[in-house]
N, C-alpha and C. Protein backbone atom coordinates (compact mmCIF):
# COMPACT_ATOMS: atom_id res chain seq x y z
N MET A 1 58.60 76.45 84.88
CA MET A 1 57.99 77.20 84.24
C MET A 1 58.66 78.56 84.40
N THR A 2 58.91 79.53 83.34
CA THR A 2 59.31 80.65 83.33
C THR A 2 58.47 81.69 83.28
N ALA A 3 57.87 82.66 84.25
CA ALA A 3 56.64 83.78 84.13
C ALA A 3 57.55 84.72 83.62
N LYS A 4 56.53 86.07 83.09
CA LYS A 4 57.22 86.78 82.62
C LYS A 4 57.06 88.01 83.30
N ILE A 5 56.33 87.79 84.42
CA ILE A 5 56.12 88.59 85.81
C ILE A 5 55.77 87.59 86.68
N LEU A 6 56.90 87.75 88.02
CA LEU A 6 56.86 86.98 89.16
C LEU A 6 56.04 87.89 90.38
N ILE A 7 55.21 87.35 90.98
CA ILE A 7 54.72 88.21 92.38
C ILE A 7 55.10 87.29 93.29
N LEU A 8 55.99 87.68 94.29
CA LEU A 8 56.15 87.34 95.66
C LEU A 8 55.44 88.08 96.59
N THR A 9 54.94 86.98 97.37
CA THR A 9 53.96 87.49 98.69
C THR A 9 54.75 86.43 99.62
N ALA A 10 54.50 86.89 100.96
CA ALA A 10 54.71 86.01 102.12
C ALA A 10 54.18 84.76 102.24
N LEU A 11 52.69 84.78 102.11
CA LEU A 11 51.42 84.06 102.52
C LEU A 11 50.57 83.69 101.22
N GLU A 12 50.13 82.34 101.53
CA GLU A 12 48.80 82.19 100.46
C GLU A 12 47.54 82.99 101.24
N SER A 13 47.70 83.17 102.38
CA SER A 13 46.34 83.74 102.97
C SER A 13 46.42 85.49 102.41
N GLU A 14 47.09 86.16 102.12
CA GLU A 14 47.45 87.29 101.13
C GLU A 14 47.00 87.50 99.90
N LEU A 15 47.18 86.34 99.03
CA LEU A 15 47.00 86.10 97.79
C LEU A 15 47.30 84.85 96.94
N ALA A 16 46.12 84.29 96.03
CA ALA A 16 45.79 83.19 95.82
C ALA A 16 46.59 83.26 94.26
N GLN A 17 47.30 81.96 94.30
CA GLN A 17 48.07 81.62 92.95
C GLN A 17 46.84 81.54 91.70
N SER A 18 45.75 81.16 92.02
CA SER A 18 44.98 80.46 91.20
C SER A 18 43.85 81.98 90.67
N ARG A 19 44.11 83.15 90.82
CA ARG A 19 43.71 84.22 90.35
C ARG A 19 45.10 85.00 89.56
N ALA A 20 46.16 84.43 89.19
CA ALA A 20 46.99 84.93 88.20
C ALA A 20 46.83 84.72 87.05
N PRO A 21 46.82 85.82 86.32
CA PRO A 21 46.49 86.13 84.77
C PRO A 21 47.94 85.10 84.35
N ASP A 22 47.34 85.02 82.64
CA ASP A 22 48.73 83.94 82.18
C ASP A 22 49.75 84.78 82.14
N GLY A 23 51.12 84.28 82.38
CA GLY A 23 52.43 84.74 82.25
C GLY A 23 52.40 85.32 83.39
N VAL A 24 51.90 85.23 84.46
CA VAL A 24 51.96 85.37 85.93
C VAL A 24 52.53 84.42 86.84
N ARG A 25 53.11 84.38 87.85
CA ARG A 25 53.25 83.27 88.91
C ARG A 25 53.54 83.84 90.14
N VAL A 26 52.61 83.18 91.00
CA VAL A 26 52.78 83.59 92.02
C VAL A 26 53.66 82.50 93.39
N ILE A 27 54.74 83.27 93.80
CA ILE A 27 55.63 82.62 94.64
C ILE A 27 55.37 83.25 96.29
N TYR A 28 55.19 81.80 97.11
CA TYR A 28 55.33 82.38 98.57
C TYR A 28 56.51 82.19 99.08
N THR A 29 57.10 83.50 99.85
CA THR A 29 58.32 83.51 100.51
C THR A 29 58.77 82.87 101.65
N GLY A 30 57.08 83.01 102.54
CA GLY A 30 57.38 82.71 103.79
C GLY A 30 57.59 84.28 104.73
N VAL A 31 57.62 84.18 105.91
CA VAL A 31 57.41 85.81 106.43
C VAL A 31 59.08 85.93 106.99
N GLY A 32 59.23 86.99 106.94
CA GLY A 32 60.50 87.57 107.25
C GLY A 32 61.77 87.49 106.23
N LYS A 33 62.58 88.42 106.76
CA LYS A 33 63.77 88.93 105.75
C LYS A 33 64.54 87.25 105.11
N VAL A 34 64.83 86.45 106.00
CA VAL A 34 65.58 85.53 105.84
C VAL A 34 64.98 84.60 105.18
N ASN A 35 63.63 84.01 105.09
CA ASN A 35 63.02 83.23 104.09
C ASN A 35 62.69 83.82 102.92
N THR A 36 62.60 84.83 102.94
CA THR A 36 62.26 85.99 101.67
C THR A 36 63.54 85.89 100.74
N ALA A 37 64.58 86.15 101.47
CA ALA A 37 66.28 86.23 100.74
C ALA A 37 66.21 85.00 100.01
N ILE A 38 66.29 83.93 100.79
CA ILE A 38 66.39 82.95 100.25
C ILE A 38 65.68 81.97 99.20
N VAL A 39 64.27 82.69 99.30
CA VAL A 39 63.23 82.11 98.36
C VAL A 39 63.75 83.10 97.00
N THR A 40 63.63 84.26 97.15
CA THR A 40 64.20 85.10 96.05
C THR A 40 65.20 85.03 95.10
N THR A 41 66.38 84.59 96.11
CA THR A 41 67.69 83.86 95.46
C THR A 41 67.60 82.70 94.68
N GLN A 42 66.85 81.87 95.17
CA GLN A 42 66.51 80.57 94.43
C GLN A 42 66.19 80.76 93.30
N ILE A 43 64.81 81.46 92.96
CA ILE A 43 64.13 82.08 92.00
C ILE A 43 64.67 82.43 91.15
N LEU A 44 65.38 83.87 91.47
CA LEU A 44 66.18 84.38 90.36
C LEU A 44 67.33 83.71 89.87
N SER A 45 67.98 82.90 90.67
CA SER A 45 69.24 82.28 90.25
C SER A 45 68.62 81.29 89.05
N GLY A 46 67.53 80.88 88.70
CA GLY A 46 66.97 80.09 88.24
C GLY A 46 66.37 80.76 86.50
N GLU A 47 66.15 81.93 86.70
CA GLU A 47 65.28 82.53 85.79
C GLU A 47 65.11 83.97 86.19
N LYS A 48 64.73 84.61 84.85
CA LYS A 48 64.85 86.10 84.99
C LYS A 48 63.91 86.47 84.62
N PRO A 49 62.75 86.74 85.28
CA PRO A 49 61.57 87.72 84.85
C PRO A 49 61.54 88.79 84.13
N SER A 50 60.50 89.91 83.84
CA SER A 50 60.65 90.67 83.16
C SER A 50 60.49 91.93 84.49
N LEU A 51 59.77 90.97 85.48
CA LEU A 51 59.83 92.09 86.52
C LEU A 51 58.94 91.58 87.62
N VAL A 52 59.57 91.66 88.90
CA VAL A 52 58.98 91.11 90.05
C VAL A 52 58.16 92.00 90.80
N VAL A 53 57.17 91.56 91.26
CA VAL A 53 56.37 92.85 91.75
C VAL A 53 55.80 91.85 93.31
N ASN A 54 56.01 92.57 94.61
CA ASN A 54 56.26 92.22 95.82
C ASN A 54 54.44 92.51 96.12
N TYR A 55 53.47 91.95 96.64
CA TYR A 55 52.72 92.20 97.15
C TYR A 55 52.40 91.88 98.60
N GLY A 56 51.97 92.59 99.48
CA GLY A 56 51.82 91.84 100.99
C GLY A 56 50.98 92.70 101.64
N THR A 57 51.01 92.54 103.17
CA THR A 57 50.29 93.54 104.03
C THR A 57 51.36 94.31 104.75
N ALA A 58 50.78 95.70 105.31
CA ALA A 58 51.82 96.50 105.75
C ALA A 58 51.13 97.11 107.10
N GLY A 59 51.59 97.58 108.04
CA GLY A 59 50.73 98.47 108.99
C GLY A 59 51.50 99.78 108.47
N LYS A 60 50.67 100.89 108.99
CA LYS A 60 50.86 102.26 108.87
C LYS A 60 51.62 102.79 109.80
N ILE A 61 52.42 103.63 109.26
CA ILE A 61 53.06 104.83 110.02
C ILE A 61 52.45 106.39 110.23
N ASP A 62 52.23 106.56 108.38
CA ASP A 62 51.68 107.70 108.11
C ASP A 62 50.05 107.51 108.23
N THR A 63 49.59 108.46 108.77
CA THR A 63 48.21 108.03 109.20
C THR A 63 47.14 108.48 108.15
N SER A 64 47.81 109.13 107.23
CA SER A 64 47.19 109.56 105.99
C SER A 64 46.98 108.39 105.11
N LEU A 65 47.54 107.43 105.02
CA LEU A 65 47.61 106.17 103.98
C LEU A 65 46.39 105.27 104.75
N HIS A 66 46.18 104.79 103.26
CA HIS A 66 45.20 103.95 103.57
C HIS A 66 45.08 102.84 102.40
N GLY A 67 44.23 101.64 102.59
CA GLY A 67 44.35 100.81 101.47
C GLY A 67 45.46 100.24 100.40
N LEU A 68 45.55 100.26 99.14
CA LEU A 68 46.44 99.60 98.78
C LEU A 68 47.61 101.19 98.20
N VAL A 69 48.41 101.08 98.79
CA VAL A 69 49.73 101.82 98.46
C VAL A 69 50.74 101.59 97.55
N GLU A 70 51.61 102.30 96.65
CA GLU A 70 52.53 101.69 95.79
C GLU A 70 53.80 102.09 96.88
N ILE A 71 54.85 101.29 96.62
CA ILE A 71 56.47 101.68 97.41
C ILE A 71 57.11 102.18 96.47
N SER A 72 57.67 103.43 96.56
CA SER A 72 58.90 103.72 95.94
C SER A 72 60.37 103.61 96.51
N HIS A 73 60.27 103.41 97.59
CA HIS A 73 61.78 102.81 98.17
C HIS A 73 61.44 102.20 99.32
N VAL A 74 62.79 101.28 99.80
CA VAL A 74 62.70 100.41 100.64
C VAL A 74 63.79 100.43 101.84
N ILE A 75 63.85 100.62 103.11
CA ILE A 75 65.02 100.80 103.91
C ILE A 75 65.10 99.57 105.11
N GLN A 76 65.85 99.47 105.33
CA GLN A 76 65.57 98.23 106.81
C GLN A 76 65.65 98.73 108.40
N ARG A 77 64.57 98.80 108.88
CA ARG A 77 64.08 99.50 109.82
C ARG A 77 64.94 98.36 111.33
N ASP A 78 65.18 97.62 110.88
CA ASP A 78 65.79 97.03 112.20
C ASP A 78 67.23 96.78 112.14
N MET A 79 67.88 97.22 111.29
CA MET A 79 69.39 96.97 110.93
C MET A 79 69.98 98.10 111.97
N MET A 80 70.46 97.74 113.57
CA MET A 80 70.83 98.69 114.24
C MET A 80 72.02 97.90 114.94
N THR A 81 72.99 98.67 114.54
CA THR A 81 74.49 98.22 114.99
C THR A 81 75.21 99.34 115.32
N MET A 82 74.43 100.22 115.95
CA MET A 82 75.37 101.32 116.18
C MET A 82 76.28 100.87 117.49
N PRO A 83 77.62 101.38 117.80
CA PRO A 83 78.16 102.55 116.81
C PRO A 83 78.68 102.33 115.69
N LEU A 84 78.72 101.15 115.13
CA LEU A 84 79.36 100.62 113.84
C LEU A 84 79.02 101.60 112.87
N ALA A 85 77.25 101.80 112.75
CA ALA A 85 76.82 102.40 111.67
C ALA A 85 75.26 102.84 112.22
N PRO A 86 75.14 103.87 111.88
CA PRO A 86 73.66 104.59 111.94
C PRO A 86 72.66 103.10 111.69
N ARG A 87 71.90 103.59 112.68
CA ARG A 87 70.61 102.76 112.09
C ARG A 87 70.05 102.75 111.03
N GLY A 88 69.89 101.64 110.28
CA GLY A 88 69.20 101.11 108.74
C GLY A 88 70.29 100.90 107.98
N THR A 89 71.36 101.35 108.45
CA THR A 89 72.62 100.92 107.68
C THR A 89 73.43 99.49 107.96
N THR A 90 73.60 99.29 106.98
CA THR A 90 74.39 97.69 107.23
C THR A 90 75.91 97.86 107.20
N PRO A 91 76.45 97.73 108.53
CA PRO A 91 77.93 98.00 108.40
C PRO A 91 78.81 97.25 107.66
N LEU A 92 79.86 98.08 107.24
CA LEU A 92 81.09 97.31 106.52
C LEU A 92 80.25 96.91 105.31
N SER A 93 79.33 97.57 104.48
CA SER A 93 78.93 96.83 103.44
C SER A 93 78.96 98.08 102.37
N ASP A 94 79.39 97.77 100.99
CA ASP A 94 79.19 98.46 100.06
C ASP A 94 77.84 98.49 99.50
N GLY A 95 76.83 97.62 99.76
CA GLY A 95 75.86 97.58 99.10
C GLY A 95 74.79 98.91 99.46
N PRO A 96 73.86 99.19 98.73
CA PRO A 96 72.81 100.03 98.80
C PRO A 96 72.24 99.98 100.37
N GLN A 97 71.69 100.92 100.58
CA GLN A 97 71.34 100.91 102.03
C GLN A 97 69.72 101.32 102.15
N ILE A 98 69.26 101.76 100.51
CA ILE A 98 68.10 102.13 100.69
C ILE A 98 67.96 101.61 99.03
N PHE A 99 66.51 100.93 98.61
CA PHE A 99 66.55 100.75 97.25
C PHE A 99 65.42 101.60 96.78
N SER A 100 65.09 101.78 95.21
CA SER A 100 64.29 102.40 94.92
C SER A 100 63.45 101.74 93.35
N SER A 101 62.25 101.88 93.65
CA SER A 101 61.73 101.01 92.71
C SER A 101 61.39 101.89 91.41
N GLY A 102 61.42 102.90 91.25
CA GLY A 102 61.32 103.95 90.43
C GLY A 102 59.82 104.11 90.12
N ALA A 103 58.68 103.64 91.18
CA ALA A 103 57.47 104.07 91.01
C ALA A 103 56.99 104.38 92.29
N GLY A 104 55.75 104.65 92.55
CA GLY A 104 55.04 104.73 93.88
C GLY A 104 55.37 106.28 94.62
N SER A 105 54.95 106.21 95.86
CA SER A 105 55.30 107.44 96.50
C SER A 105 55.28 107.16 98.10
N VAL A 106 55.54 105.71 98.59
CA VAL A 106 55.53 105.70 100.03
C VAL A 106 56.86 104.92 100.07
N VAL A 107 57.21 105.37 100.96
CA VAL A 107 58.62 104.58 101.90
C VAL A 107 58.59 103.25 102.74
N CYS A 108 58.77 102.51 102.34
CA CYS A 108 58.40 101.15 103.29
C CYS A 108 59.84 100.74 104.30
N GLY A 109 59.44 100.44 105.65
CA GLY A 109 60.37 100.03 106.29
C GLY A 109 60.38 98.79 106.74
N THR A 110 61.64 97.84 106.38
CA THR A 110 61.56 96.23 106.70
C THR A 110 61.89 95.92 107.62
N GLY A 111 61.25 95.01 108.36
CA GLY A 111 62.11 94.54 109.53
C GLY A 111 61.43 93.04 110.29
N ASP A 112 62.19 92.36 110.64
CA ASP A 112 61.86 91.07 111.37
C ASP A 112 61.31 91.42 112.59
N SER A 113 60.37 92.08 112.80
CA SER A 113 59.66 92.30 114.16
C SER A 113 58.09 92.50 113.67
N PHE A 114 56.81 92.45 114.34
CA PHE A 114 55.81 92.94 113.70
C PHE A 114 55.67 94.36 114.65
N VAL A 115 55.48 95.73 113.94
CA VAL A 115 55.26 96.66 114.73
C VAL A 115 53.81 96.91 115.51
N THR A 116 54.02 97.16 117.31
CA THR A 116 53.12 97.44 117.81
C THR A 116 53.20 98.38 118.60
N ALA A 117 54.22 99.62 118.38
CA ALA A 117 54.39 100.60 119.19
C ALA A 117 54.87 101.51 118.67
N ALA A 118 54.97 103.09 118.94
CA ALA A 118 55.37 104.08 118.21
C ALA A 118 57.01 104.10 118.22
N ASP A 119 57.49 104.59 116.73
CA ASP A 119 58.93 104.65 116.82
C ASP A 119 59.51 105.82 116.34
N PRO A 120 59.69 106.83 116.94
CA PRO A 120 59.98 108.20 116.02
C PRO A 120 61.03 108.10 114.85
N TRP A 121 62.34 106.89 114.93
CA TRP A 121 62.97 106.73 113.82
C TRP A 121 62.50 106.71 112.52
N LEU A 122 61.42 105.92 112.36
CA LEU A 122 60.34 105.97 111.56
C LEU A 122 59.94 106.94 110.73
N GLY A 123 59.11 107.87 111.54
CA GLY A 123 58.98 109.28 111.04
C GLY A 123 60.29 110.11 111.10
N GLU A 124 61.02 109.72 111.79
CA GLU A 124 62.42 110.95 111.09
C GLU A 124 62.72 110.43 109.57
N ASN A 125 62.20 109.23 109.64
CA ASN A 125 63.14 108.55 108.02
C ASN A 125 62.09 108.24 106.89
N ASN A 126 60.92 109.27 107.11
CA ASN A 126 59.64 109.26 106.01
C ASN A 126 59.34 108.16 106.27
N VAL A 127 59.26 107.16 106.98
CA VAL A 127 58.71 105.77 106.53
C VAL A 127 57.29 105.64 106.57
N GLY A 128 56.33 105.46 105.73
CA GLY A 128 54.74 105.25 105.58
C GLY A 128 54.26 104.10 106.18
N VAL A 129 55.02 103.00 105.67
CA VAL A 129 54.22 101.71 106.03
C VAL A 129 55.77 101.00 106.42
N VAL A 130 55.29 99.73 107.30
CA VAL A 130 56.58 98.84 107.67
C VAL A 130 55.51 97.41 107.59
N ASP A 131 56.67 96.66 107.30
CA ASP A 131 56.72 95.11 106.43
C ASP A 131 57.67 94.19 107.04
N MET A 132 57.86 93.21 106.66
CA MET A 132 58.75 91.98 107.25
C MET A 132 59.55 91.70 105.74
N GLU A 133 59.41 91.99 104.65
CA GLU A 133 59.61 91.07 103.49
C GLU A 133 60.79 91.97 102.24
N LEU A 134 59.87 93.22 102.03
CA LEU A 134 60.44 93.95 100.93
C LEU A 134 61.84 94.19 100.56
N PHE A 135 62.36 94.76 101.65
CA PHE A 135 63.97 95.00 101.57
C PHE A 135 65.06 93.90 100.79
N ALA A 136 64.73 92.72 101.51
CA ALA A 136 65.16 91.39 100.87
C ALA A 136 64.84 91.15 99.30
N ILE A 137 63.72 91.24 99.36
CA ILE A 137 63.37 91.32 97.90
C ILE A 137 64.01 92.36 97.12
N ALA A 138 64.22 93.59 97.14
CA ALA A 138 64.67 94.54 96.64
C ALA A 138 66.11 94.26 96.55
N SER A 139 66.67 93.88 97.42
CA SER A 139 68.10 93.38 97.73
C SER A 139 68.64 92.62 96.64
N VAL A 140 67.86 91.32 96.48
CA VAL A 140 68.15 90.05 95.68
C VAL A 140 67.76 90.67 94.36
N CYS A 141 66.60 91.43 94.34
CA CYS A 141 66.63 91.97 92.68
C CYS A 141 67.71 92.90 92.22
N HIS A 142 68.20 93.53 92.83
CA HIS A 142 69.07 94.36 92.92
C HIS A 142 70.61 93.55 92.34
N ARG A 143 70.97 92.65 93.02
CA ARG A 143 72.04 91.89 92.99
C ARG A 143 71.82 91.01 91.48
N TYR A 144 70.36 90.63 90.94
CA TYR A 144 70.39 90.02 90.07
C TYR A 144 70.01 90.52 88.85
N GLY A 145 69.70 92.07 89.19
CA GLY A 145 69.79 93.11 87.73
C GLY A 145 68.26 92.98 87.54
N VAL A 146 67.45 92.84 88.05
CA VAL A 146 65.68 92.26 87.92
C VAL A 146 64.99 93.59 88.45
N ARG A 147 64.15 94.44 87.90
CA ARG A 147 63.12 95.33 88.06
C ARG A 147 62.28 94.97 89.03
N TRP A 148 62.03 95.83 90.08
CA TRP A 148 61.23 95.77 91.09
C TRP A 148 60.11 96.57 91.35
N ARG A 149 58.68 96.16 91.56
CA ARG A 149 57.59 97.07 92.04
C ARG A 149 57.27 96.36 93.33
N SER A 150 56.76 97.33 94.05
CA SER A 150 55.78 96.65 95.16
C SER A 150 54.29 97.27 95.57
N PHE A 151 53.48 96.57 96.02
CA PHE A 151 52.34 96.98 96.63
C PHE A 151 52.09 96.39 97.79
N LYS A 152 51.35 97.26 98.77
CA LYS A 152 51.26 96.98 100.38
C LYS A 152 49.86 97.24 100.20
N PHE A 153 49.01 96.56 100.84
CA PHE A 153 47.64 96.92 101.56
C PHE A 153 47.76 96.68 102.94
N ILE A 154 47.42 98.44 103.44
CA ILE A 154 47.44 98.53 104.84
C ILE A 154 46.61 97.92 105.81
N THR A 155 46.73 96.88 106.54
CA THR A 155 45.91 96.06 107.56
C THR A 155 45.60 96.70 108.88
N ASP A 156 46.89 97.55 109.45
CA ASP A 156 46.72 97.90 110.59
C ASP A 156 47.24 99.45 110.68
N ASP A 157 47.58 99.93 112.19
CA ASP A 157 48.05 101.00 112.25
C ASP A 157 49.32 100.98 113.19
N ALA A 158 49.64 99.65 112.89
CA ALA A 158 51.40 99.89 113.51
C ALA A 158 51.10 99.97 114.95
N ASN A 159 50.23 99.68 116.01
CA ASN A 159 49.88 99.83 117.53
C ASN A 159 49.63 98.57 118.16
N GLU A 160 49.59 98.66 119.63
CA GLU A 160 48.88 97.61 120.08
C GLU A 160 47.53 96.65 119.54
N SER A 161 47.14 97.32 118.77
CA SER A 161 46.03 96.56 118.14
C SER A 161 46.49 95.93 116.64
N ALA A 162 47.31 96.20 116.11
CA ALA A 162 48.08 95.88 115.13
C ALA A 162 47.60 93.89 114.76
N PRO A 163 48.10 93.00 115.67
CA PRO A 163 48.14 91.77 115.58
C PRO A 163 46.54 91.60 115.34
N ASP A 164 45.96 91.92 115.76
CA ASP A 164 44.31 91.91 115.73
C ASP A 164 43.54 91.93 114.28
N HIS A 165 44.12 93.16 114.00
CA HIS A 165 43.39 94.25 112.89
C HIS A 165 44.32 93.38 111.59
N TRP A 166 45.59 93.23 111.70
CA TRP A 166 46.26 92.23 110.67
C TRP A 166 45.28 90.96 110.10
N THR A 167 44.79 90.01 111.33
CA THR A 167 44.26 88.85 110.97
C THR A 167 43.10 89.01 110.55
N GLU A 168 42.29 90.30 111.06
CA GLU A 168 41.32 90.85 110.58
C GLU A 168 40.97 91.13 108.90
N ASN A 169 42.22 91.62 108.70
CA ASN A 169 42.23 92.58 107.23
C ASN A 169 43.17 91.50 106.47
N VAL A 170 44.01 90.39 106.35
CA VAL A 170 44.74 90.14 105.73
C VAL A 170 44.46 89.91 104.26
N ALA A 171 43.45 89.30 104.23
CA ALA A 171 42.80 88.91 103.00
C ALA A 171 41.90 90.04 102.21
N ASN A 172 41.93 91.13 102.87
CA ASN A 172 40.86 92.36 101.93
C ASN A 172 41.61 93.26 100.78
N GLY A 173 42.99 92.85 100.98
CA GLY A 173 43.51 93.66 99.73
C GLY A 173 43.48 92.86 98.23
N GLU A 174 43.64 91.43 98.43
CA GLU A 174 43.66 90.75 96.92
C GLU A 174 42.89 91.32 95.97
N ASP A 175 41.44 91.74 96.09
CA ASP A 175 40.81 92.19 94.62
C ASP A 175 41.79 93.36 94.27
N LEU A 176 42.08 94.58 95.28
CA LEU A 176 42.45 95.81 94.56
C LEU A 176 44.05 95.25 94.09
N PHE A 177 44.94 94.58 94.63
CA PHE A 177 45.88 94.34 93.90
C PHE A 177 45.80 93.52 92.53
N TRP A 178 44.87 92.84 92.36
CA TRP A 178 44.48 91.90 91.08
C TRP A 178 43.97 93.25 90.06
N ASN A 179 43.33 93.79 90.47
CA ASN A 179 42.95 95.03 89.88
C ASN A 179 44.08 96.03 89.18
N VAL A 180 44.96 96.58 89.73
CA VAL A 180 45.99 97.17 89.75
C VAL A 180 46.93 96.47 88.77
N LEU A 181 47.04 95.05 89.24
CA LEU A 181 48.08 94.22 88.10
C LEU A 181 47.62 93.97 86.89
N THR A 182 46.30 93.76 86.69
CA THR A 182 45.59 93.37 85.22
C THR A 182 45.43 95.24 84.71
N ARG A 183 45.29 96.19 85.36
CA ARG A 183 44.74 97.81 84.61
C ARG A 183 45.86 98.23 84.74
N GLU A 184 47.05 98.27 85.25
CA GLU A 184 48.33 99.14 85.03
C GLU A 184 49.59 98.48 84.85
N ILE A 185 49.95 97.31 85.33
CA ILE A 185 51.09 96.68 84.63
C ILE A 185 51.38 95.76 83.93
N LEU A 186 50.07 94.96 83.96
CA LEU A 186 50.22 93.96 82.64
C LEU A 186 49.99 94.88 81.20
N GLN A 187 49.62 95.88 81.11
CA GLN A 187 49.25 97.01 79.95
C GLN A 187 50.63 97.74 79.58
N THR A 188 51.43 97.52 80.50
CA THR A 188 52.63 98.53 80.43
C THR A 188 53.80 97.32 80.22
N THR A 189 53.83 95.91 80.49
CA THR A 189 55.13 95.49 80.91
C THR A 189 55.24 94.50 79.55
C-alpha cells in the first residue's frame, strides 16, 4: 500500500495506526537510530510518499517547552569521535551534520541513550528536546529526496525522573498530534 503521507513513530504505545485518516499510514520503526534507519530505508526504497512525518516522545532540555512541539532542525547528540571531528559531527563524512525540516522552531538532539542528566553541550547547541530516532529519519529522507516534518510530545524533563515520567506520559500526546495532522498538515499537502 502506498500512502500519500507516512507517519514514522518508534512504538505502538505512542501512536495507534487505527486512528490514521485515509491516505496516511503509520509505520513503527522500533527504538533507536539503527532500527529507525533500517525501517525508513526499507520503506523509502519501495515507495515515495509526498511527506514523511515523524511523531514521537521527547525529553525537554529547554525548560520553557511543553506539550507538542514541531522540530525545525535535528543533530546527532551522541556522535562523539573527538579528536577526529567535533561532537555531533560524523568524521570523514560529506553528508549533512544537521537537517532542517523547513518548519517548526525547536532543535532536536538525537542519540541512542535516554537522557537522565544535564549535558551542557545540548544547551550550547540550542537543543530544545532530545529523542532517539529523528536524525536517522531525516538522514534517510535526505538521501531519498523526501520531505519530512517532525512533532515531539514532551514527556519528561530529561533528568533522573525521566524514565518514570516517560512511562506515565508516553500516550498523552496522541490526540494533540492527530489534531495537528488533520488541521494543519492534511489541509496543505
